Amino acid sequence: MHKSTRRGFVFSAGAAALPHHMTGSARAEENAAVPLVVAELVRRSEDANAALLRGDVDAYRSLITLTEDFTLMAPFGGKPSRGPDITEETWKRLGRFFKNGTLKQDLIHAYGSADMVVLAVIEHGHVEVGGLPAQEWPLRVTLVYRRCGAEWRLAHRHADPLVGQITLARAAALARGS
């Protein structure tokens, strides 16, 4: 079942997406909880990333816990980062990299089940990045959350700049590193 909202669609997991051992009222209860979990993760993602753009890494980390096998595909390219690569020094650098930012998040679509939630969002940031003057930084972002016990943890983040449509030739030049 899809529920249409002003910002997109929220997916309410069907019985097939739930663990096979659940039946009857347990399955119905879990099914009913998925939209609430999705809504909470949408809110928490926006709050956490707004804090990050202000340079407030502690607030970000109080809202988002990463899985042990977390992967990050950053909007600036390069090889993906993995959970073990993100040290305390990395967090400190992130806090210095972003300054004085604001964020508005638009939910494009959400997919949810008993153990996984995927959010496709557009993040509209206005922020100083890496010492550059403040500017708009719209990003297309995919967030994958996985349930670990009673906690929802971020397992994957992929972001890329939201640009106006570009030609195939320009995309090819970017892919070549030109």
N, C-alpha and C. Protein backbone atom coordinates (compact mmCIF):
# COMPACT_ATOMS: atom_id res chain seq x y z
N MET A 1 0.84 -1.17 0.00
CA MET A 1 0.00 0.00 0.00
C MET A 1 0.89 1.23 0.00
N HIS A 2 0.58 2.20 -0.83
CA HIS A 2 1.32 3.46 -0.86
C HIS A 2 0.43 4.56 -0.32
N LYS A 3 0.99 5.40 0.49
CA LYS A 3 0.28 6.54 1.02
C LYS A 3 0.90 7.77 0.40
N SER A 4 0.13 8.54 -0.32
CA SER A 4 0.63 9.73 -0.96
C SER A 4 0.72 10.86 0.07
N THR A 5 1.83 11.58 0.04
CA THR A 5 1.99 12.74 0.89
C THR A 5 2.41 13.91 0.02
N ARG A 6 2.46 15.10 0.59
CA ARG A 6 2.88 16.27 -0.16
C ARG A 6 4.29 16.11 -0.69
N ARG A 7 5.14 15.42 0.02
CA ARG A 7 6.54 15.29 -0.37
C ARG A 7 6.84 14.03 -1.16
N GLY A 8 5.92 13.13 -1.31
CA GLY A 8 6.20 11.91 -2.04
C GLY A 8 5.31 10.79 -1.59
N PHE A 9 5.84 9.61 -1.59
CA PHE A 9 5.09 8.43 -1.19
C PHE A 9 5.80 7.74 -0.05
N VAL A 10 5.02 7.29 0.91
CA VAL A 10 5.56 6.50 2.00
C VAL A 10 5.07 5.09 1.79
N PHE A 11 5.99 4.15 1.70
CA PHE A 11 5.65 2.76 1.46
C PHE A 11 5.34 2.10 2.78
N SER A 12 4.21 1.45 2.84
CA SER A 12 3.85 0.66 4.00
C SER A 12 4.06 -0.79 3.64
N ALA A 13 4.99 -1.45 4.32
CA ALA A 13 5.39 -2.81 3.95
C ALA A 13 4.21 -3.76 4.01
N GLY A 14 4.11 -4.60 3.02
CA GLY A 14 3.08 -5.63 3.01
C GLY A 14 3.55 -6.86 3.76
N ALA A 15 2.67 -7.80 3.94
CA ALA A 15 2.99 -9.00 4.72
C ALA A 15 4.17 -9.75 4.13
N ALA A 16 4.34 -9.73 2.81
CA ALA A 16 5.42 -10.48 2.20
C ALA A 16 6.79 -9.94 2.60
N ALA A 17 6.87 -8.68 3.01
CA ALA A 17 8.15 -8.10 3.37
C ALA A 17 8.55 -8.39 4.81
N LEU A 18 7.66 -8.98 5.56
CA LEU A 18 7.93 -9.24 6.97
C LEU A 18 8.53 -10.62 7.15
N PRO A 19 9.23 -10.82 8.27
CA PRO A 19 9.82 -12.13 8.53
C PRO A 19 8.77 -13.24 8.46
N HIS A 20 9.16 -14.39 7.90
CA HIS A 20 8.23 -15.49 7.68
C HIS A 20 7.68 -16.07 8.97
N HIS A 21 8.42 -15.97 10.07
CA HIS A 21 7.96 -16.58 11.31
C HIS A 21 6.84 -15.77 11.98
N MET A 22 6.57 -14.56 11.48
CA MET A 22 5.53 -13.74 12.10
C MET A 22 4.17 -14.09 11.50
N THR A 23 3.19 -14.21 12.36
CA THR A 23 1.85 -14.50 11.89
C THR A 23 0.86 -13.68 12.67
N GLY A 24 -0.34 -13.60 12.16
CA GLY A 24 -1.46 -13.00 12.88
C GLY A 24 -1.18 -11.63 13.42
N SER A 25 -1.44 -11.44 14.71
CA SER A 25 -1.36 -10.11 15.31
C SER A 25 0.07 -9.57 15.34
N ALA A 26 1.08 -10.42 15.50
CA ALA A 26 2.46 -9.94 15.50
C ALA A 26 2.81 -9.35 14.14
N ARG A 27 2.37 -10.00 13.07
CA ARG A 27 2.63 -9.51 11.71
C ARG A 27 1.88 -8.19 11.50
N ALA A 28 0.65 -8.11 11.93
CA ALA A 28 -0.15 -6.89 11.76
C ALA A 28 0.45 -5.74 12.56
N GLU A 29 0.92 -6.02 13.76
CA GLU A 29 1.53 -4.98 14.60
C GLU A 29 2.81 -4.46 13.96
N GLU A 30 3.65 -5.36 13.46
CA GLU A 30 4.89 -4.96 12.79
C GLU A 30 4.58 -4.15 11.54
N ASN A 31 3.59 -4.60 10.77
CA ASN A 31 3.19 -3.92 9.55
C ASN A 31 2.72 -2.50 9.86
N ALA A 32 1.96 -2.33 10.91
CA ALA A 32 1.45 -1.02 11.27
C ALA A 32 2.57 -0.09 11.75
N ALA A 33 3.64 -0.63 12.28
CA ALA A 33 4.74 0.18 12.82
C ALA A 33 5.65 0.73 11.72
N VAL A 34 5.70 0.11 10.56
CA VAL A 34 6.63 0.52 9.51
C VAL A 34 6.46 1.99 9.11
N PRO A 35 5.24 2.48 8.84
CA PRO A 35 5.12 3.90 8.47
C PRO A 35 5.60 4.84 9.58
N LEU A 36 5.42 4.46 10.83
CA LEU A 36 5.90 5.28 11.94
C LEU A 36 7.42 5.31 11.98
N VAL A 37 8.04 4.16 11.73
CA VAL A 37 9.51 4.08 11.69
C VAL A 37 10.03 4.92 10.53
N VAL A 38 9.41 4.81 9.37
CA VAL A 38 9.83 5.58 8.21
C VAL A 38 9.75 7.07 8.52
N ALA A 39 8.64 7.51 9.08
CA ALA A 39 8.47 8.93 9.40
C ALA A 39 9.53 9.40 10.39
N GLU A 40 9.84 8.58 11.39
CA GLU A 40 10.86 8.94 12.37
C GLU A 40 12.24 9.02 11.72
N LEU A 41 12.57 8.10 10.83
CA LEU A 41 13.87 8.13 10.16
C LEU A 41 13.99 9.31 9.20
N VAL A 42 12.90 9.69 8.55
CA VAL A 42 12.90 10.88 7.69
C VAL A 42 13.22 12.11 8.54
N ARG A 43 12.54 12.26 9.68
CA ARG A 43 12.75 13.40 10.57
C ARG A 43 14.17 13.41 11.12
N ARG A 44 14.61 12.25 11.60
CA ARG A 44 15.94 12.15 12.20
C ARG A 44 17.03 12.44 11.17
N SER A 45 16.85 11.97 9.93
CA SER A 45 17.83 12.23 8.87
C SER A 45 17.95 13.72 8.59
N GLU A 46 16.82 14.39 8.50
CA GLU A 46 16.86 15.83 8.23
C GLU A 46 17.52 16.58 9.38
N ASP A 47 17.14 16.26 10.61
CA ASP A 47 17.72 16.93 11.78
C ASP A 47 19.23 16.68 11.87
N ALA A 48 19.65 15.44 11.64
CA ALA A 48 21.06 15.08 11.75
C ALA A 48 21.89 15.78 10.67
N ASN A 49 21.42 15.77 9.44
CA ASN A 49 22.18 16.38 8.36
C ASN A 49 22.18 17.90 8.46
N ALA A 50 21.11 18.48 9.01
CA ALA A 50 21.12 19.93 9.28
C ALA A 50 22.20 20.25 10.30
N ALA A 51 22.33 19.42 11.33
CA ALA A 51 23.37 19.62 12.34
C ALA A 51 24.76 19.50 11.71
N LEU A 52 24.95 18.51 10.85
CA LEU A 52 26.24 18.33 10.20
C LEU A 52 26.63 19.56 9.38
N LEU A 53 25.66 20.13 8.66
CA LEU A 53 25.96 21.31 7.85
C LEU A 53 26.28 22.54 8.70
N ARG A 54 25.86 22.53 9.96
CA ARG A 54 26.25 23.60 10.90
C ARG A 54 27.64 23.33 11.47
N GLY A 55 28.18 22.12 11.20
CA GLY A 55 29.46 21.73 11.76
C GLY A 55 29.33 21.06 13.12
N ASP A 56 28.10 20.71 13.50
CA ASP A 56 27.82 20.11 14.81
C ASP A 56 27.80 18.59 14.70
N VAL A 57 29.00 18.00 14.68
CA VAL A 57 29.15 16.56 14.53
C VAL A 57 28.55 15.81 15.72
N ASP A 58 28.66 16.38 16.92
CA ASP A 58 28.12 15.71 18.11
C ASP A 58 26.61 15.55 18.00
N ALA A 59 25.91 16.58 17.52
CA ALA A 59 24.46 16.48 17.35
C ALA A 59 24.12 15.44 16.28
N TYR A 60 24.89 15.44 15.19
CA TYR A 60 24.69 14.44 14.14
C TYR A 60 24.79 13.03 14.74
N ARG A 61 25.88 12.80 15.47
CA ARG A 61 26.14 11.47 16.02
C ARG A 61 25.15 11.07 17.10
N SER A 62 24.52 12.05 17.76
CA SER A 62 23.49 11.71 18.74
C SER A 62 22.20 11.24 18.07
N LEU A 63 22.03 11.58 16.80
CA LEU A 63 20.83 11.21 16.06
C LEU A 63 21.02 10.00 15.15
N ILE A 64 22.23 9.81 14.65
CA ILE A 64 22.51 8.76 13.67
C ILE A 64 23.64 7.87 14.18
N THR A 65 23.39 6.58 14.21
CA THR A 65 24.42 5.59 14.51
C THR A 65 24.70 4.82 13.23
N LEU A 66 25.97 4.63 12.93
CA LEU A 66 26.36 3.90 11.72
C LEU A 66 26.49 2.42 12.03
N THR A 67 26.17 1.58 11.03
CA THR A 67 26.41 0.15 11.17
C THR A 67 27.91 -0.10 11.07
N GLU A 68 28.34 -1.27 11.52
CA GLU A 68 29.76 -1.64 11.44
C GLU A 68 30.23 -1.70 9.98
N ASP A 69 29.32 -2.08 9.07
CA ASP A 69 29.68 -2.22 7.66
C ASP A 69 29.18 -1.04 6.82
N PHE A 70 29.01 0.11 7.45
CA PHE A 70 28.54 1.33 6.78
C PHE A 70 29.38 1.65 5.55
N THR A 71 28.72 2.13 4.49
CA THR A 71 29.41 2.63 3.30
C THR A 71 28.92 4.04 3.01
N LEU A 72 29.86 4.88 2.58
CA LEU A 72 29.57 6.26 2.20
C LEU A 72 30.10 6.51 0.81
N MET A 73 29.23 6.93 -0.07
CA MET A 73 29.62 7.36 -1.40
C MET A 73 29.35 8.87 -1.44
N ALA A 74 30.42 9.63 -1.17
CA ALA A 74 30.31 11.08 -0.97
C ALA A 74 30.03 11.82 -2.27
N PRO A 75 29.41 13.00 -2.17
CA PRO A 75 29.04 13.74 -3.37
C PRO A 75 30.22 14.32 -4.14
N PHE A 76 31.42 14.27 -3.56
CA PHE A 76 32.58 14.85 -4.22
C PHE A 76 33.40 13.80 -4.96
N GLY A 77 32.86 12.56 -5.02
CA GLY A 77 33.54 11.51 -5.75
C GLY A 77 34.58 10.80 -4.90
N GLY A 78 35.46 10.10 -5.57
CA GLY A 78 36.47 9.32 -4.88
C GLY A 78 35.94 7.95 -4.52
N LYS A 79 36.82 7.16 -3.92
CA LYS A 79 36.41 5.81 -3.57
C LYS A 79 35.47 5.84 -2.35
N PRO A 80 34.59 4.88 -2.26
CA PRO A 80 33.67 4.84 -1.12
C PRO A 80 34.43 4.68 0.20
N SER A 81 33.89 5.32 1.24
CA SER A 81 34.41 5.15 2.60
C SER A 81 33.64 4.03 3.26
N ARG A 82 34.28 3.38 4.21
CA ARG A 82 33.64 2.30 4.96
C ARG A 82 33.69 2.63 6.43
N GLY A 83 32.80 2.02 7.18
CA GLY A 83 32.69 2.27 8.61
C GLY A 83 34.00 2.35 9.35
N PRO A 84 34.89 1.35 9.19
CA PRO A 84 36.16 1.38 9.91
C PRO A 84 37.06 2.55 9.52
N ASP A 85 36.83 3.15 8.32
CA ASP A 85 37.63 4.29 7.87
C ASP A 85 37.26 5.58 8.60
N ILE A 86 36.10 5.58 9.24
CA ILE A 86 35.58 6.80 9.86
C ILE A 86 36.01 6.82 11.32
N THR A 87 37.13 7.49 11.56
CA THR A 87 37.74 7.56 12.88
C THR A 87 37.27 8.82 13.60
N GLU A 88 37.69 8.97 14.85
CA GLU A 88 37.37 10.20 15.59
C GLU A 88 37.97 11.41 14.88
N GLU A 89 39.15 11.27 14.31
CA GLU A 89 39.76 12.38 13.56
C GLU A 89 38.93 12.72 12.32
N THR A 90 38.38 11.70 11.66
CA THR A 90 37.51 11.94 10.51
C THR A 90 36.31 12.77 10.92
N TRP A 91 35.70 12.42 12.05
CA TRP A 91 34.54 13.18 12.55
C TRP A 91 34.93 14.63 12.83
N LYS A 92 36.11 14.84 13.44
CA LYS A 92 36.56 16.20 13.73
C LYS A 92 36.76 17.00 12.43
N ARG A 93 37.35 16.34 11.42
CA ARG A 93 37.53 17.01 10.13
C ARG A 93 36.18 17.38 9.51
N LEU A 94 35.21 16.49 9.61
CA LEU A 94 33.88 16.81 9.09
C LEU A 94 33.28 18.03 9.78
N GLY A 95 33.48 18.12 11.08
CA GLY A 95 32.98 19.27 11.83
C GLY A 95 33.61 20.58 11.39
N ARG A 96 34.84 20.53 10.90
CA ARG A 96 35.52 21.73 10.40
C ARG A 96 35.21 21.99 8.92
N PHE A 97 34.83 20.95 8.18
CA PHE A 97 34.60 21.03 6.74
C PHE A 97 33.32 21.80 6.42
N PHE A 98 32.27 21.58 7.24
CA PHE A 98 30.97 22.24 7.03
C PHE A 98 30.79 23.32 8.09
N LYS A 99 30.28 24.50 7.66
CA LYS A 99 30.05 25.60 8.60
C LYS A 99 28.81 26.38 8.22
N ASN A 100 28.11 26.82 9.26
CA ASN A 100 27.02 27.80 9.12
C ASN A 100 25.96 27.38 8.11
N GLY A 101 25.66 26.10 8.05
CA GLY A 101 24.72 25.61 7.05
C GLY A 101 23.29 25.48 7.54
N THR A 102 22.40 25.45 6.57
CA THR A 102 20.99 25.14 6.81
C THR A 102 20.60 24.04 5.83
N LEU A 103 19.55 23.33 6.16
CA LEU A 103 19.13 22.21 5.32
C LEU A 103 17.62 22.09 5.32
N LYS A 104 17.08 21.86 4.15
CA LYS A 104 15.68 21.45 3.98
C LYS A 104 15.73 20.16 3.19
N GLN A 105 14.98 19.18 3.62
CA GLN A 105 15.00 17.86 2.97
C GLN A 105 13.64 17.58 2.36
N ASP A 106 13.63 17.15 1.11
CA ASP A 106 12.40 16.72 0.45
C ASP A 106 12.45 15.21 0.26
N LEU A 107 11.46 14.54 0.80
CA LEU A 107 11.34 13.10 0.60
C LEU A 107 10.78 12.84 -0.78
N ILE A 108 11.51 12.09 -1.58
CA ILE A 108 11.04 11.71 -2.91
C ILE A 108 10.27 10.39 -2.83
N HIS A 109 10.85 9.43 -2.11
CA HIS A 109 10.19 8.13 -1.94
C HIS A 109 10.83 7.40 -0.78
N ALA A 110 10.06 6.58 -0.12
CA ALA A 110 10.58 5.75 0.97
C ALA A 110 10.09 4.33 0.78
N TYR A 111 10.96 3.40 1.12
CA TYR A 111 10.64 1.98 1.06
C TYR A 111 10.91 1.42 2.45
N GLY A 112 9.97 0.65 2.98
CA GLY A 112 10.19 0.15 4.32
C GLY A 112 9.74 -1.28 4.49
N SER A 113 10.44 -1.99 5.35
CA SER A 113 10.05 -3.33 5.77
C SER A 113 10.38 -3.45 7.24
N ALA A 114 10.21 -4.61 7.79
CA ALA A 114 10.44 -4.81 9.22
C ALA A 114 11.88 -4.53 9.63
N ASP A 115 12.85 -4.73 8.73
CA ASP A 115 14.26 -4.61 9.10
C ASP A 115 15.08 -3.63 8.27
N MET A 116 14.46 -3.01 7.25
CA MET A 116 15.22 -2.10 6.41
C MET A 116 14.31 -0.98 5.91
N VAL A 117 14.88 0.23 5.88
CA VAL A 117 14.19 1.40 5.32
C VAL A 117 15.16 2.08 4.37
N VAL A 118 14.66 2.42 3.19
CA VAL A 118 15.44 3.15 2.19
C VAL A 118 14.73 4.47 1.93
N LEU A 119 15.48 5.57 2.05
CA LEU A 119 14.93 6.89 1.78
C LEU A 119 15.63 7.48 0.56
N ALA A 120 14.86 7.96 -0.39
CA ALA A 120 15.38 8.72 -1.53
C ALA A 120 14.95 10.16 -1.28
N VAL A 121 15.93 11.04 -1.08
CA VAL A 121 15.63 12.42 -0.71
C VAL A 121 16.44 13.40 -1.55
N ILE A 122 15.97 14.63 -1.58
CA ILE A 122 16.75 15.75 -2.08
C ILE A 122 17.07 16.60 -0.86
N GLU A 123 18.36 16.83 -0.62
CA GLU A 123 18.78 17.72 0.45
C GLU A 123 19.12 19.07 -0.16
N HIS A 124 18.43 20.11 0.31
CA HIS A 124 18.68 21.47 -0.14
C HIS A 124 19.49 22.17 0.95
N GLY A 125 20.81 22.18 0.78
CA GLY A 125 21.67 22.80 1.76
C GLY A 125 22.16 24.15 1.30
N HIS A 126 22.35 25.04 2.24
CA HIS A 126 23.02 26.31 2.00
C HIS A 126 24.12 26.35 3.05
N VAL A 127 25.40 26.26 2.62
CA VAL A 127 26.46 25.99 3.59
C VAL A 127 27.81 26.42 3.05
N GLU A 128 28.71 26.73 3.98
CA GLU A 128 30.12 26.92 3.66
C GLU A 128 30.77 25.54 3.69
N VAL A 129 31.39 25.13 2.59
CA VAL A 129 32.00 23.81 2.49
C VAL A 129 33.49 23.96 2.19
N GLY A 130 34.32 23.34 3.01
CA GLY A 130 35.75 23.32 2.75
C GLY A 130 36.39 24.68 2.60
N GLY A 131 35.90 25.68 3.31
CA GLY A 131 36.47 27.02 3.24
C GLY A 131 35.92 27.88 2.12
N LEU A 132 35.04 27.33 1.28
CA LEU A 132 34.42 28.13 0.21
C LEU A 132 33.30 28.98 0.81
N PRO A 133 32.99 30.11 0.16
CA PRO A 133 31.87 30.92 0.65
C PRO A 133 30.56 30.11 0.61
N ALA A 134 29.63 30.52 1.45
CA ALA A 134 28.32 29.84 1.50
C ALA A 134 27.67 29.87 0.12
N GLN A 135 27.07 28.75 -0.22
CA GLN A 135 26.32 28.65 -1.48
C GLN A 135 25.30 27.53 -1.34
N GLU A 136 24.44 27.42 -2.32
CA GLU A 136 23.47 26.33 -2.37
C GLU A 136 24.22 25.04 -2.72
N TRP A 137 23.87 23.95 -2.02
CA TRP A 137 24.44 22.62 -2.30
C TRP A 137 23.30 21.60 -2.33
N PRO A 138 22.50 21.59 -3.39
CA PRO A 138 21.45 20.57 -3.46
C PRO A 138 22.06 19.20 -3.81
N LEU A 139 21.63 18.17 -3.08
CA LEU A 139 22.15 16.82 -3.30
C LEU A 139 21.00 15.84 -3.49
N ARG A 140 21.22 14.87 -4.38
CA ARG A 140 20.34 13.71 -4.49
C ARG A 140 20.94 12.66 -3.58
N VAL A 141 20.14 12.14 -2.64
CA VAL A 141 20.68 11.27 -1.61
C VAL A 141 19.84 10.01 -1.46
N THR A 142 20.51 8.89 -1.29
CA THR A 142 19.87 7.63 -0.92
C THR A 142 20.44 7.21 0.43
N LEU A 143 19.55 6.96 1.38
CA LEU A 143 19.93 6.53 2.72
C LEU A 143 19.33 5.15 2.96
N VAL A 144 20.13 4.23 3.44
CA VAL A 144 19.66 2.89 3.76
C VAL A 144 19.85 2.67 5.26
N TYR A 145 18.75 2.45 5.95
CA TYR A 145 18.78 2.15 7.38
C TYR A 145 18.47 0.67 7.59
N ARG A 146 19.16 0.08 8.54
CA ARG A 146 18.94 -1.32 8.88
C ARG A 146 18.68 -1.43 10.37
N ARG A 147 17.72 -2.24 10.72
CA ARG A 147 17.41 -2.44 12.13
C ARG A 147 18.46 -3.38 12.73
N CYS A 148 19.06 -2.95 13.83
CA CYS A 148 20.03 -3.74 14.59
C CYS A 148 19.46 -3.84 16.00
N GLY A 149 18.81 -4.96 16.30
CA GLY A 149 18.11 -5.09 17.57
C GLY A 149 16.95 -4.12 17.59
N ALA A 150 16.89 -3.27 18.59
CA ALA A 150 15.82 -2.29 18.69
C ALA A 150 16.19 -0.96 18.05
N GLU A 151 17.41 -0.84 17.55
CA GLU A 151 17.92 0.44 17.03
C GLU A 151 17.98 0.41 15.50
N TRP A 152 17.68 1.56 14.89
CA TRP A 152 17.83 1.72 13.45
C TRP A 152 19.15 2.44 13.20
N ARG A 153 20.02 1.81 12.39
CA ARG A 153 21.34 2.36 12.10
C ARG A 153 21.48 2.63 10.61
N LEU A 154 22.26 3.64 10.29
CA LEU A 154 22.52 3.99 8.90
C LEU A 154 23.57 3.04 8.33
N ALA A 155 23.19 2.30 7.29
CA ALA A 155 24.08 1.32 6.67
C ALA A 155 24.74 1.86 5.41
N HIS A 156 24.10 2.83 4.74
CA HIS A 156 24.64 3.33 3.47
C HIS A 156 24.11 4.73 3.20
N ARG A 157 24.99 5.58 2.70
CA ARG A 157 24.62 6.91 2.21
C ARG A 157 25.31 7.13 0.89
N HIS A 158 24.53 7.49 -0.11
CA HIS A 158 25.07 7.85 -1.42
C HIS A 158 24.50 9.21 -1.77
N ALA A 159 25.37 10.16 -2.08
CA ALA A 159 24.93 11.51 -2.43
C ALA A 159 25.67 11.97 -3.67
N ASP A 160 24.96 12.69 -4.51
CA ASP A 160 25.61 13.35 -5.63
C ASP A 160 24.94 14.69 -5.86
N PRO A 161 25.67 15.63 -6.46
CA PRO A 161 25.09 16.96 -6.66
C PRO A 161 23.87 16.90 -7.56
N LEU A 162 22.85 17.64 -7.18
CA LEU A 162 21.66 17.77 -8.00
C LEU A 162 21.94 18.89 -8.99
N VAL A 163 22.18 18.52 -10.20
CA VAL A 163 22.52 19.51 -11.23
C VAL A 163 21.38 19.56 -12.23
N GLY A 164 21.33 20.67 -12.95
CA GLY A 164 20.40 20.72 -14.07
C GLY A 164 20.80 19.67 -15.08
N GLN A 165 19.90 19.32 -15.94
CA GLN A 165 20.21 18.30 -16.92
C GLN A 165 21.44 18.70 -17.72
N ILE A 166 22.36 17.75 -17.90
CA ILE A 166 23.57 18.01 -18.67
C ILE A 166 23.57 17.11 -19.89
N THR A 167 24.38 17.47 -20.86
CA THR A 167 24.45 16.68 -22.08
C THR A 167 25.19 15.38 -21.82
N LEU A 168 24.98 14.43 -22.69
CA LEU A 168 25.71 13.17 -22.61
C LEU A 168 27.21 13.41 -22.74
N ALA A 169 27.60 14.33 -23.62
CA ALA A 169 29.02 14.64 -23.81
C ALA A 169 29.62 15.19 -22.51
N ARG A 170 28.90 16.04 -21.78
CA ARG A 170 29.40 16.59 -20.52
C ARG A 170 29.50 15.48 -19.47
N ALA A 171 28.49 14.60 -19.42
CA ALA A 171 28.54 13.49 -18.48
C ALA A 171 29.74 12.59 -18.79
N ALA A 172 29.99 12.35 -20.05
CA ALA A 172 31.13 11.53 -20.45
C ALA A 172 32.45 12.20 -20.03
N ALA A 173 32.53 13.52 -20.18
CA ALA A 173 33.74 14.24 -19.78
C ALA A 173 33.94 14.14 -18.27
N LEU A 174 32.89 14.26 -17.49
CA LEU A 174 32.99 14.11 -16.04
C LEU A 174 33.45 12.71 -15.67
N ALA A 175 32.90 11.70 -16.37
CA ALA A 175 33.28 10.32 -16.10
C ALA A 175 34.76 10.07 -16.40
N ARG A 176 35.29 10.78 -17.39
CA ARG A 176 36.72 10.66 -17.73
C ARG A 176 37.60 11.47 -16.79
N GLY A 177 36.97 12.30 -15.95
CA GLY A 177 37.73 13.15 -15.05
C GLY A 177 38.14 14.47 -15.69
N SER A 178 37.53 14.80 -16.81
CA SER A 178 37.85 16.06 -17.52
C SER A 178 37.04 17.21 -16.95
